[in-house]
C-alpha atoms as a PDB file:
ATOM      1  CA  MET A   1      20.022   6.265   2.633  1.00  0.00           C
ATOM      2  CA  ARG A   2      20.643   3.991   5.064  1.00  0.00           C
ATOM      3  CA  GLU A   3      19.433   6.255   8.022  1.00  0.00           C
ATOM      4  CA  SER A   4      15.995   5.776   7.361  1.00  0.00           C
ATOM      5  CA  GLY A   5      14.478   8.030  10.324  1.00  0.00           C
ATOM      6  CA  SER A   6      16.575  11.059   8.563  1.00  0.00           C
ATOM      7  CA  HIS A   7      14.717  13.714   6.845  1.00  0.00           C
ATOM      8  CA  LEU A   8      16.973  13.291   3.909  1.00  0.00           C
ATOM      9  CA  HIS A   9      16.135   9.461   3.447  1.00  0.00           C
ATOM     10  CA  ALA A  10      12.036  10.727   3.765  1.00  0.00           C
ATOM     11  CA  ASP A  11      12.833  13.748   1.157  1.00  0.00           C
ATOM     12  CA  LEU A  12      14.587  11.042  -1.173  1.00  0.00           C
ATOM     13  CA  ALA A  13      12.106   7.960  -0.508  1.00  0.00           C
ATOM     14  CA  LYS A  14       9.303  10.765  -1.073  1.00  0.00           C
ATOM     15  CA  LEU A  15       7.822  10.445   2.434  1.00  0.00           C
ATOM     16  CA  ARG A  16       5.550  12.586   3.613  1.00  0.00           C
ATOM     17  CA  PHE A  17       7.680  12.592   6.876  1.00  0.00           C
ATOM     18  CA  ALA A  18      10.802  11.115   8.716  1.00  0.00           C
ATOM     19  CA  GLY A  19      10.194   7.819  10.472  1.00  0.00           C
ATOM     20  CA  SER A  20      12.222   4.520  11.210  1.00  0.00           C
ATOM     21  CA  HIS A  21      11.527   1.087   9.580  1.00  0.00           C
ATOM     22  CA  ALA A  22      10.213   0.480  13.289  1.00  0.00           C
ATOM     23  CA  ASP A  23       7.921   3.541  13.450  1.00  0.00           C
ATOM     24  CA  ARG A  24       6.454   2.029   9.806  1.00  0.00           C
ATOM     25  CA  ALA A  25       5.905  -1.271  10.770  1.00  0.00           C
ATOM     26  CA  GLY A  26       4.549  -0.192  14.235  1.00  0.00           C
ATOM     27  CA  ILE A  27       1.930   2.228  12.118  1.00  0.00           C
ATOM     28  CA  GLN A  28       1.353  -1.038   9.850  1.00  0.00           C
ATOM     29  CA  LEU A  29       0.551  -3.347  12.825  1.00  0.00           C
ATOM     30  CA  ALA A  30      -1.605  -0.809  14.427  1.00  0.00           C
ATOM     31  CA  GLU A  31      -3.606  -0.463  11.489  1.00  0.00           C
ATOM     32  CA  TRP A  32      -3.809  -4.362  10.858  1.00  0.00           C
ATOM     33  CA  TYR A  33      -4.963  -4.727  14.363  1.00  0.00           C
ATOM     34  CA  ILE A  34      -7.603  -1.967  14.120  1.00  0.00           C
ATOM     35  CA  ASN A  35      -8.875  -3.493  11.132  1.00  0.00           C
ATOM     36  CA  VAL A  36      -8.995  -6.904  12.350  1.00  0.00           C
ATOM     37  CA  HIS A  37     -10.896  -6.248  15.498  1.00  0.00           C
ATOM     38  CA  LEU A  38     -13.092  -3.585  13.900  1.00  0.00           C
ATOM     39  CA  ASP A  39     -17.093  -3.748  14.191  1.00  0.00           C
ATOM     40  CA  ARG A  40     -18.031  -4.411  10.586  1.00  0.00           C
ATOM     41  CA  LYS A  41     -21.564  -3.515  11.446  1.00  0.00           C
ATOM     42  CA  ARG A  42     -20.460  -0.063  12.091  1.00  0.00           C
ATOM     43  CA  HIS A  43     -17.819   0.257   9.537  1.00  0.00           C
ATOM     44  CA  LYS A  44     -17.663  -1.021   6.177  1.00  0.00           C
ATOM     45  CA  LYS A  45     -14.427   0.577   5.166  1.00  0.00           C
ATOM     46  CA  ASP A  46     -11.154  -0.085   6.840  1.00  0.00           C
ATOM     47  CA  ILE A  47      -9.362   2.399   8.906  1.00  0.00           C
ATOM     48  CA  GLU A  48      -6.156   3.957   7.471  1.00  0.00           C
ATOM     49  CA  LEU A  49      -3.883   5.303  10.084  1.00  0.00           C
ATOM     50  CA  PRO A  50      -1.770   8.458   8.657  1.00  0.00           C
ATOM     51  CA  GLY A  51       1.773   7.120   7.941  1.00  0.00           C
ATOM     52  CA  PRO A  52       4.735   8.779   6.231  1.00  0.00           C
ATOM     53  CA  TRP A  53       3.797   7.361   2.602  1.00  0.00           C
ATOM     54  CA  GLY A  54       1.163   8.758   0.532  1.00  0.00           C
ATOM     55  CA  LYS A  55      -1.721   6.924  -0.940  1.00  0.00           C
ATOM     56  CA  ALA A  56      -0.362   5.058  -4.113  1.00  0.00           C
ATOM     57  CA  ASN A  57      -2.546   4.766  -7.367  1.00  0.00           C
ATOM     58  CA  PRO A  58      -1.796   0.855  -7.942  1.00  0.00           C
ATOM     59  CA  ASN A  59      -3.171   1.675 -11.488  1.00  0.00           C
ATOM     60  CA  ALA A  60      -0.777   4.675 -11.826  1.00  0.00           C
ATOM     61  CA  ASP A  61       1.950   2.438 -13.952  1.00  0.00           C
ATOM     62  CA  VAL A  62      -0.438   0.548 -16.249  1.00  0.00           C
ATOM     63  CA  THR A  63      -2.612   1.952 -19.039  1.00  0.00           C
ATOM     64  CA  PRO A  64      -6.184   0.723 -19.344  1.00  0.00           C
ATOM     65  CA  GLU A  65      -4.875  -0.945 -22.608  1.00  0.00           C
ATOM     66  CA  ARG A  66      -1.824  -2.451 -21.050  1.00  0.00           C
ATOM     67  CA  ARG A  67      -3.984  -3.766 -18.239  1.00  0.00           C
ATOM     68  CA  ALA A  68      -6.443  -5.160 -20.624  1.00  0.00           C
ATOM     69  CA  ALA A  69      -3.402  -7.173 -22.497  1.00  0.00           C
ATOM     70  CA  LEU A  70      -2.045  -8.473 -19.475  1.00  0.00           C
ATOM     71  CA  ARG A  71      -5.622  -9.811 -18.305  1.00  0.00           C
ATOM     72  CA  ALA A  72      -5.862 -11.394 -21.702  1.00  0.00           C
ATOM     73  CA  GLU A  73      -2.754 -12.869 -21.607  1.00  0.00           C
ATOM     74  CA  LEU A  74      -3.350 -14.163 -17.817  1.00  0.00           C
ATOM     75  CA  GLU A  75      -6.405 -15.674 -18.896  1.00  0.00           C
ATOM     76  CA  ARG A  76      -4.788 -17.629 -21.878  1.00  0.00           C
ATOM     77  CA  ARG A  77      -1.875 -19.244 -19.475  1.00  0.00           C
ATOM     78  CA  SER A  78      -4.038 -19.668 -16.356  1.00  0.00           C
ATOM     79  CA  ALA A  79      -4.537 -23.141 -14.868  1.00  0.00           C
ATOM     80  CA  PHE A  80      -7.727 -21.508 -13.479  1.00  0.00           C
ATOM     81  CA  ALA A  81      -9.040 -19.847 -16.530  1.00  0.00           C
ATOM     82  CA  HIS A  82     -12.921 -18.947 -16.507  1.00  0.00           C
END
């Protein structure tokens, strides 16, 4: 698991292909640079370069009911409540 560029590591980490940490950082840096310098008149959405990771669903581990409860708790505790 320490060799992040191996196919074994990619398989265990559920990555689409093998690549070192430096490879992944390079992809993310290139994506950031492109999006910072993107002509927003022509491109409304950010560019997403292909990487070894899949598109993660940020809502996959939280049910709508749990999300509503978490928001209510945040509103109750927040110093910036509406």
